[in-house]
N, C-alpha and C. Protein backbone atom coordinates (compact mmCIF):
# COMPACT_ATOMS: atom_id res chain seq x y z
N UNK A 1 22.18 1.51 -15.10
CA UNK A 1 21.30 2.61 -15.48
C UNK A 1 21.45 2.88 -16.97
N UNK A 2 20.40 3.37 -17.58
CA UNK A 2 20.47 3.67 -19.01
C UNK A 2 21.49 4.77 -19.30
N UNK A 3 22.17 4.67 -20.43
CA UNK A 3 23.21 5.65 -20.75
C UNK A 3 22.64 7.03 -21.07
N UNK A 4 21.34 7.16 -21.26
CA UNK A 4 20.74 8.45 -21.60
C UNK A 4 20.56 9.38 -20.43
N UNK A 5 20.86 8.95 -19.22
CA UNK A 5 20.68 9.79 -18.05
C UNK A 5 21.95 10.56 -17.74
N UNK A 6 21.78 11.81 -17.31
CA UNK A 6 22.91 12.61 -16.86
C UNK A 6 23.32 12.15 -15.46
N UNK A 7 24.47 12.64 -14.99
CA UNK A 7 24.97 12.18 -13.69
C UNK A 7 24.00 12.50 -12.56
N UNK A 8 23.46 13.72 -12.54
CA UNK A 8 22.55 14.07 -11.45
C UNK A 8 21.24 13.29 -11.56
N UNK A 9 20.83 12.95 -12.78
CA UNK A 9 19.63 12.13 -12.96
C UNK A 9 19.88 10.71 -12.48
N UNK A 10 21.06 10.18 -12.73
CA UNK A 10 21.41 8.85 -12.24
C UNK A 10 21.40 8.81 -10.72
N UNK A 11 21.91 9.89 -10.11
CA UNK A 11 21.93 9.97 -8.65
C UNK A 11 20.51 9.91 -8.10
N UNK A 12 19.60 10.65 -8.70
CA UNK A 12 18.20 10.62 -8.25
C UNK A 12 17.56 9.27 -8.53
N UNK A 13 17.87 8.68 -9.67
CA UNK A 13 17.30 7.37 -10.00
C UNK A 13 17.73 6.32 -8.99
N UNK A 14 19.02 6.29 -8.66
CA UNK A 14 19.50 5.33 -7.67
C UNK A 14 18.89 5.59 -6.30
N UNK A 15 18.72 6.86 -5.94
CA UNK A 15 18.14 7.20 -4.64
C UNK A 15 16.68 6.73 -4.57
N UNK A 16 15.93 6.95 -5.64
CA UNK A 16 14.53 6.55 -5.62
C UNK A 16 14.36 5.03 -5.67
N UNK A 17 15.21 4.36 -6.42
CA UNK A 17 15.15 2.90 -6.43
C UNK A 17 15.59 2.35 -5.07
N UNK A 18 16.64 2.96 -4.50
CA UNK A 18 17.12 2.53 -3.19
C UNK A 18 16.10 2.75 -2.08
N UNK A 19 15.28 3.76 -2.22
CA UNK A 19 14.23 4.00 -1.21
C UNK A 19 12.95 3.24 -1.55
N UNK A 20 12.68 3.06 -2.83
CA UNK A 20 11.42 2.43 -3.24
C UNK A 20 11.36 0.94 -2.97
N UNK A 21 12.46 0.24 -3.16
CA UNK A 21 12.46 -1.21 -2.94
C UNK A 21 12.21 -1.56 -1.48
N UNK A 22 12.91 -0.94 -0.51
CA UNK A 22 12.58 -1.25 0.89
C UNK A 22 11.17 -0.83 1.29
N UNK A 23 10.68 0.27 0.73
CA UNK A 23 9.31 0.68 1.03
C UNK A 23 8.31 -0.36 0.54
N UNK A 24 8.52 -0.86 -0.67
CA UNK A 24 7.60 -1.86 -1.21
C UNK A 24 7.64 -3.13 -0.36
N UNK A 25 8.83 -3.57 0.00
CA UNK A 25 8.93 -4.78 0.82
C UNK A 25 8.42 -4.56 2.23
N UNK A 26 8.47 -3.32 2.73
CA UNK A 26 7.82 -3.01 4.00
C UNK A 26 6.32 -3.18 3.90
N UNK A 27 5.74 -2.75 2.77
CA UNK A 27 4.32 -2.97 2.55
C UNK A 27 3.97 -4.43 2.43
N UNK A 28 4.83 -5.20 1.78
CA UNK A 28 4.61 -6.65 1.67
C UNK A 28 4.65 -7.28 3.05
N UNK A 29 5.59 -6.84 3.89
CA UNK A 29 5.68 -7.37 5.25
C UNK A 29 4.40 -7.10 6.04
N UNK A 30 3.88 -5.87 5.95
CA UNK A 30 2.64 -5.55 6.65
C UNK A 30 1.46 -6.33 6.09
N UNK A 31 1.46 -6.58 4.80
CA UNK A 31 0.37 -7.37 4.21
C UNK A 31 0.39 -8.78 4.79
N UNK A 32 1.56 -9.36 4.92
CA UNK A 32 1.64 -10.70 5.49
C UNK A 32 1.33 -10.71 6.99
N UNK A 33 1.57 -9.60 7.68
CA UNK A 33 1.21 -9.51 9.09
C UNK A 33 -0.30 -9.42 9.29
N UNK A 34 -0.99 -8.76 8.37
CA UNK A 34 -2.43 -8.54 8.48
C UNK A 34 -3.21 -9.71 7.88
N UNK A 35 -2.58 -10.48 7.03
CA UNK A 35 -3.28 -11.55 6.30
C UNK A 35 -3.97 -12.57 7.20
N UNK A 36 -3.38 -13.06 8.30
CA UNK A 36 -4.11 -14.01 9.15
C UNK A 36 -5.39 -13.43 9.75
N UNK A 37 -5.34 -12.17 10.17
CA UNK A 37 -6.54 -11.53 10.71
C UNK A 37 -7.59 -11.38 9.63
N UNK A 38 -7.17 -11.03 8.44
CA UNK A 38 -8.10 -10.90 7.32
C UNK A 38 -8.75 -12.24 7.00
N UNK A 39 -7.97 -13.29 7.00
CA UNK A 39 -8.52 -14.62 6.71
C UNK A 39 -9.53 -15.04 7.78
N UNK A 40 -9.23 -14.77 9.06
CA UNK A 40 -10.17 -15.11 10.13
C UNK A 40 -11.49 -14.37 9.96
N UNK A 41 -11.43 -13.09 9.64
CA UNK A 41 -12.65 -12.30 9.48
C UNK A 41 -13.46 -12.81 8.30
N UNK A 42 -12.79 -13.07 7.18
CA UNK A 42 -13.52 -13.54 5.99
C UNK A 42 -14.11 -14.94 6.20
N UNK A 43 -13.39 -15.81 6.88
CA UNK A 43 -13.92 -17.14 7.16
C UNK A 43 -15.04 -17.06 8.20
N UNK A 44 -15.00 -16.02 9.04
CA UNK A 44 -16.05 -15.83 10.03
C UNK A 44 -17.41 -15.54 9.42
N UNK A 45 -17.46 -15.15 8.16
CA UNK A 45 -18.74 -14.90 7.49
C UNK A 45 -19.46 -16.20 7.10
N UNK A 46 -18.78 -17.33 7.24
CA UNK A 46 -19.39 -18.62 6.89
C UNK A 46 -20.46 -18.96 7.93
N UNK A 47 -21.67 -19.30 7.50
CA UNK A 47 -22.72 -19.66 8.47
C UNK A 47 -22.35 -20.92 9.24
N UNK A 48 -22.94 -21.05 10.44
CA UNK A 48 -22.69 -22.23 11.28
C UNK A 48 -23.29 -23.46 10.62
N UNK A 49 -22.58 -24.57 10.74
CA UNK A 49 -23.06 -25.82 10.17
C UNK A 49 -22.69 -26.00 8.71
N UNK A 50 -21.94 -25.08 8.15
CA UNK A 50 -21.52 -25.16 6.75
C UNK A 50 -20.00 -25.21 6.72
N UNK A 51 -19.45 -26.12 5.95
CA UNK A 51 -17.99 -26.16 5.83
C UNK A 51 -17.55 -25.19 4.74
N UNK A 52 -16.41 -24.61 4.96
CA UNK A 52 -15.89 -23.60 4.05
C UNK A 52 -14.77 -24.20 3.23
N UNK A 53 -14.96 -24.34 1.95
CA UNK A 53 -13.92 -24.83 1.04
C UNK A 53 -13.33 -23.63 0.32
N UNK A 54 -12.05 -23.41 0.52
CA UNK A 54 -11.38 -22.27 -0.10
C UNK A 54 -10.64 -22.73 -1.35
N UNK A 55 -11.09 -22.31 -2.52
CA UNK A 55 -10.33 -22.64 -3.73
C UNK A 55 -8.96 -21.95 -3.72
N UNK A 56 -7.96 -22.63 -4.17
CA UNK A 56 -6.60 -22.10 -4.13
C UNK A 56 -6.47 -20.83 -4.98
N UNK A 57 -7.14 -20.78 -6.12
CA UNK A 57 -7.01 -19.59 -6.96
C UNK A 57 -7.61 -18.36 -6.28
N UNK A 58 -8.69 -18.52 -5.51
CA UNK A 58 -9.26 -17.39 -4.79
C UNK A 58 -8.33 -16.94 -3.66
N UNK A 59 -7.72 -17.89 -2.98
CA UNK A 59 -6.78 -17.54 -1.91
C UNK A 59 -5.55 -16.82 -2.46
N UNK A 60 -5.02 -17.32 -3.56
CA UNK A 60 -3.87 -16.65 -4.18
C UNK A 60 -4.23 -15.27 -4.70
N UNK A 61 -5.45 -15.12 -5.20
CA UNK A 61 -5.92 -13.82 -5.66
C UNK A 61 -5.99 -12.83 -4.50
N UNK A 62 -6.49 -13.28 -3.35
CA UNK A 62 -6.57 -12.43 -2.16
C UNK A 62 -5.17 -12.02 -1.70
N UNK A 63 -4.27 -12.98 -1.62
CA UNK A 63 -2.90 -12.69 -1.16
C UNK A 63 -2.22 -11.73 -2.14
N UNK A 64 -2.37 -11.97 -3.42
CA UNK A 64 -1.73 -11.11 -4.42
C UNK A 64 -2.28 -9.69 -4.36
N UNK A 65 -3.58 -9.56 -4.24
CA UNK A 65 -4.17 -8.22 -4.17
C UNK A 65 -3.71 -7.48 -2.93
N UNK A 66 -3.65 -8.18 -1.80
CA UNK A 66 -3.20 -7.51 -0.58
C UNK A 66 -1.74 -7.11 -0.66
N UNK A 67 -0.90 -7.99 -1.21
CA UNK A 67 0.53 -7.67 -1.32
C UNK A 67 0.73 -6.47 -2.25
N UNK A 68 0.06 -6.45 -3.37
CA UNK A 68 0.21 -5.33 -4.32
C UNK A 68 -0.36 -4.04 -3.73
N UNK A 69 -1.53 -4.11 -3.10
CA UNK A 69 -2.14 -2.91 -2.52
C UNK A 69 -1.28 -2.32 -1.42
N UNK A 70 -0.79 -3.18 -0.51
CA UNK A 70 0.05 -2.68 0.58
C UNK A 70 1.39 -2.19 0.04
N UNK A 71 1.99 -2.93 -0.89
CA UNK A 71 3.28 -2.53 -1.44
C UNK A 71 3.22 -1.20 -2.16
N UNK A 72 2.20 -1.02 -2.99
CA UNK A 72 2.07 0.25 -3.71
C UNK A 72 1.67 1.39 -2.80
N UNK A 73 0.89 1.10 -1.77
CA UNK A 73 0.51 2.18 -0.85
C UNK A 73 1.71 2.69 -0.06
N UNK A 74 2.68 1.84 0.19
CA UNK A 74 3.89 2.29 0.86
C UNK A 74 4.78 3.12 -0.07
N UNK A 75 4.51 3.10 -1.35
CA UNK A 75 5.27 3.90 -2.31
C UNK A 75 4.73 5.32 -2.44
N UNK A 76 3.56 5.60 -1.91
CA UNK A 76 2.95 6.93 -2.06
C UNK A 76 3.80 8.03 -1.43
N UNK A 77 4.40 7.85 -0.24
CA UNK A 77 5.28 8.91 0.26
C UNK A 77 6.45 9.21 -0.67
N UNK A 78 6.99 8.19 -1.30
CA UNK A 78 8.08 8.39 -2.26
C UNK A 78 7.58 9.19 -3.47
N UNK A 79 6.37 8.89 -3.92
CA UNK A 79 5.77 9.64 -5.02
C UNK A 79 5.58 11.11 -4.65
N UNK A 80 5.17 11.37 -3.42
CA UNK A 80 4.99 12.76 -2.98
C UNK A 80 6.31 13.50 -2.91
N UNK A 81 7.36 12.83 -2.47
CA UNK A 81 8.70 13.45 -2.46
C UNK A 81 9.15 13.74 -3.88
N UNK A 82 8.89 12.79 -4.79
CA UNK A 82 9.27 12.99 -6.19
C UNK A 82 8.52 14.18 -6.80
N UNK A 83 7.23 14.30 -6.49
CA UNK A 83 6.46 15.44 -7.00
C UNK A 83 6.99 16.75 -6.43
N UNK A 84 7.42 16.73 -5.18
CA UNK A 84 7.95 17.94 -4.57
C UNK A 84 9.29 18.33 -5.18
N UNK A 85 10.18 17.35 -5.39
CA UNK A 85 11.49 17.64 -5.97
C UNK A 85 11.40 18.07 -7.43
N UNK A 86 10.44 17.53 -8.16
CA UNK A 86 10.31 17.90 -9.57
C UNK A 86 9.55 19.21 -9.76
N UNK A 87 8.97 19.73 -8.69
CA UNK A 87 8.24 20.99 -8.80
C UNK A 87 6.80 20.81 -9.23
N UNK A 88 6.32 19.58 -9.29
CA UNK A 88 4.93 19.32 -9.70
C UNK A 88 3.93 19.84 -8.69
N UNK A 89 4.14 19.51 -7.44
CA UNK A 89 3.28 19.97 -6.35
C UNK A 89 4.18 20.35 -5.20
N UNK A 90 4.03 21.56 -4.70
CA UNK A 90 4.89 22.01 -3.61
C UNK A 90 4.41 21.45 -2.27
N UNK A 91 5.30 21.44 -1.31
CA UNK A 91 4.96 20.97 0.02
C UNK A 91 3.91 21.85 0.68
N UNK A 92 3.96 23.14 0.42
CA UNK A 92 2.99 24.08 0.99
C UNK A 92 1.59 23.79 0.45
N UNK A 93 1.51 23.45 -0.81
CA UNK A 93 0.22 23.14 -1.43
C UNK A 93 -0.35 21.83 -0.88
N UNK A 94 0.53 20.82 -0.71
CA UNK A 94 0.08 19.55 -0.14
C UNK A 94 -0.39 19.72 1.29
N UNK A 95 0.22 20.65 2.03
CA UNK A 95 -0.18 20.89 3.41
C UNK A 95 -1.61 21.43 3.47
N UNK A 96 -2.02 22.17 2.47
CA UNK A 96 -3.39 22.68 2.42
C UNK A 96 -4.41 21.60 2.12
N UNK A 97 -3.98 20.47 1.61
CA UNK A 97 -4.89 19.38 1.24
C UNK A 97 -5.00 18.30 2.31
N UNK A 98 -4.47 18.50 3.51
CA UNK A 98 -4.35 17.42 4.48
C UNK A 98 -5.68 16.81 4.89
N UNK A 99 -6.74 17.60 5.02
CA UNK A 99 -8.03 17.03 5.42
C UNK A 99 -8.58 16.09 4.36
N UNK A 100 -8.55 16.52 3.14
CA UNK A 100 -9.03 15.68 2.04
C UNK A 100 -8.16 14.45 1.85
N UNK A 101 -6.85 14.61 2.06
CA UNK A 101 -5.95 13.48 1.93
C UNK A 101 -6.22 12.42 3.00
N UNK A 102 -6.48 12.84 4.22
CA UNK A 102 -6.78 11.88 5.28
C UNK A 102 -8.07 11.13 4.96
N UNK A 103 -9.06 11.84 4.49
CA UNK A 103 -10.31 11.19 4.11
C UNK A 103 -10.11 10.23 2.94
N UNK A 104 -9.37 10.66 1.93
CA UNK A 104 -9.10 9.80 0.77
C UNK A 104 -8.27 8.58 1.13
N UNK A 105 -7.26 8.76 1.97
CA UNK A 105 -6.41 7.64 2.39
C UNK A 105 -7.23 6.63 3.19
N UNK A 106 -8.08 7.13 4.08
CA UNK A 106 -8.91 6.22 4.88
C UNK A 106 -9.89 5.47 4.00
N UNK A 107 -10.50 6.16 3.04
CA UNK A 107 -11.43 5.49 2.13
C UNK A 107 -10.70 4.46 1.26
N UNK A 108 -9.51 4.80 0.77
CA UNK A 108 -8.74 3.86 -0.03
C UNK A 108 -8.38 2.62 0.77
N UNK A 109 -7.92 2.82 2.00
CA UNK A 109 -7.51 1.67 2.81
C UNK A 109 -8.71 0.82 3.21
N UNK A 110 -9.88 1.43 3.37
CA UNK A 110 -11.08 0.64 3.68
C UNK A 110 -11.49 -0.22 2.49
N UNK A 111 -11.31 0.29 1.28
CA UNK A 111 -11.68 -0.46 0.08
C UNK A 111 -10.60 -1.49 -0.27
N UNK A 112 -9.34 -1.14 -0.07
CA UNK A 112 -8.24 -2.03 -0.48
C UNK A 112 -8.10 -3.25 0.42
N UNK A 113 -8.47 -3.13 1.69
CA UNK A 113 -8.39 -4.30 2.57
C UNK A 113 -9.72 -5.04 2.53
N UNK A 114 -9.70 -6.33 2.30
CA UNK A 114 -10.94 -7.06 2.11
C UNK A 114 -11.71 -7.36 3.39
N UNK A 115 -11.06 -7.25 4.54
CA UNK A 115 -11.76 -7.59 5.77
C UNK A 115 -12.38 -6.35 6.39
N UNK A 116 -13.22 -6.55 7.38
CA UNK A 116 -13.91 -5.43 8.01
C UNK A 116 -13.24 -4.99 9.30
N UNK A 117 -12.13 -5.62 9.67
CA UNK A 117 -11.49 -5.24 10.93
C UNK A 117 -10.71 -3.95 10.76
N UNK A 118 -10.71 -3.10 11.78
CA UNK A 118 -10.01 -1.82 11.68
C UNK A 118 -8.49 -1.98 11.72
N UNK A 119 -7.98 -3.10 12.20
CA UNK A 119 -6.54 -3.31 12.28
C UNK A 119 -5.89 -3.27 10.91
N UNK A 120 -6.45 -4.01 9.96
CA UNK A 120 -5.85 -4.03 8.63
C UNK A 120 -6.02 -2.70 7.92
N UNK A 121 -7.15 -2.02 8.15
CA UNK A 121 -7.36 -0.72 7.53
C UNK A 121 -6.36 0.29 8.07
N UNK A 122 -6.15 0.30 9.38
CA UNK A 122 -5.20 1.24 9.96
C UNK A 122 -3.76 0.87 9.62
N UNK A 123 -3.46 -0.42 9.48
CA UNK A 123 -2.12 -0.84 9.09
C UNK A 123 -1.79 -0.37 7.68
N UNK A 124 -2.79 -0.24 6.85
CA UNK A 124 -2.57 0.28 5.50
C UNK A 124 -2.59 1.81 5.48
N UNK A 125 -3.48 2.42 6.25
CA UNK A 125 -3.63 3.88 6.21
C UNK A 125 -2.49 4.62 6.93
N UNK A 126 -1.95 4.05 7.99
CA UNK A 126 -0.94 4.75 8.79
C UNK A 126 0.33 5.09 8.00
N UNK A 127 0.92 4.17 7.25
CA UNK A 127 2.14 4.54 6.54
C UNK A 127 1.91 5.50 5.38
N UNK A 128 0.73 5.46 4.82
CA UNK A 128 0.44 6.38 3.70
C UNK A 128 0.40 7.78 4.23
């Protein structure tokens, strides 16, 4: 840790890093679980009688976007805890926003997942 942090700040930094890394990798795990379903749905858009050639750079772009989107979305609860501990937004205030948050989370997960199946959307929206 940087020498400029006080002891209590170091304690919080280690706690957030210790919680953030497993959360991110949990999101990566869910992205890899949803990826086969996403690939089936996207390949299903290919018309009959046409072969589908997948360029490697497009496939890697899809995998990277899904891994980053799922990984960062699993970090949102940690961000909310950090905002609550720092006094930025209180828990009582966040409780008043629950309807809008559910709508926003659902819209974000619908846009962030490239397939149209509800499984991947719910797999992203549920942990957030």
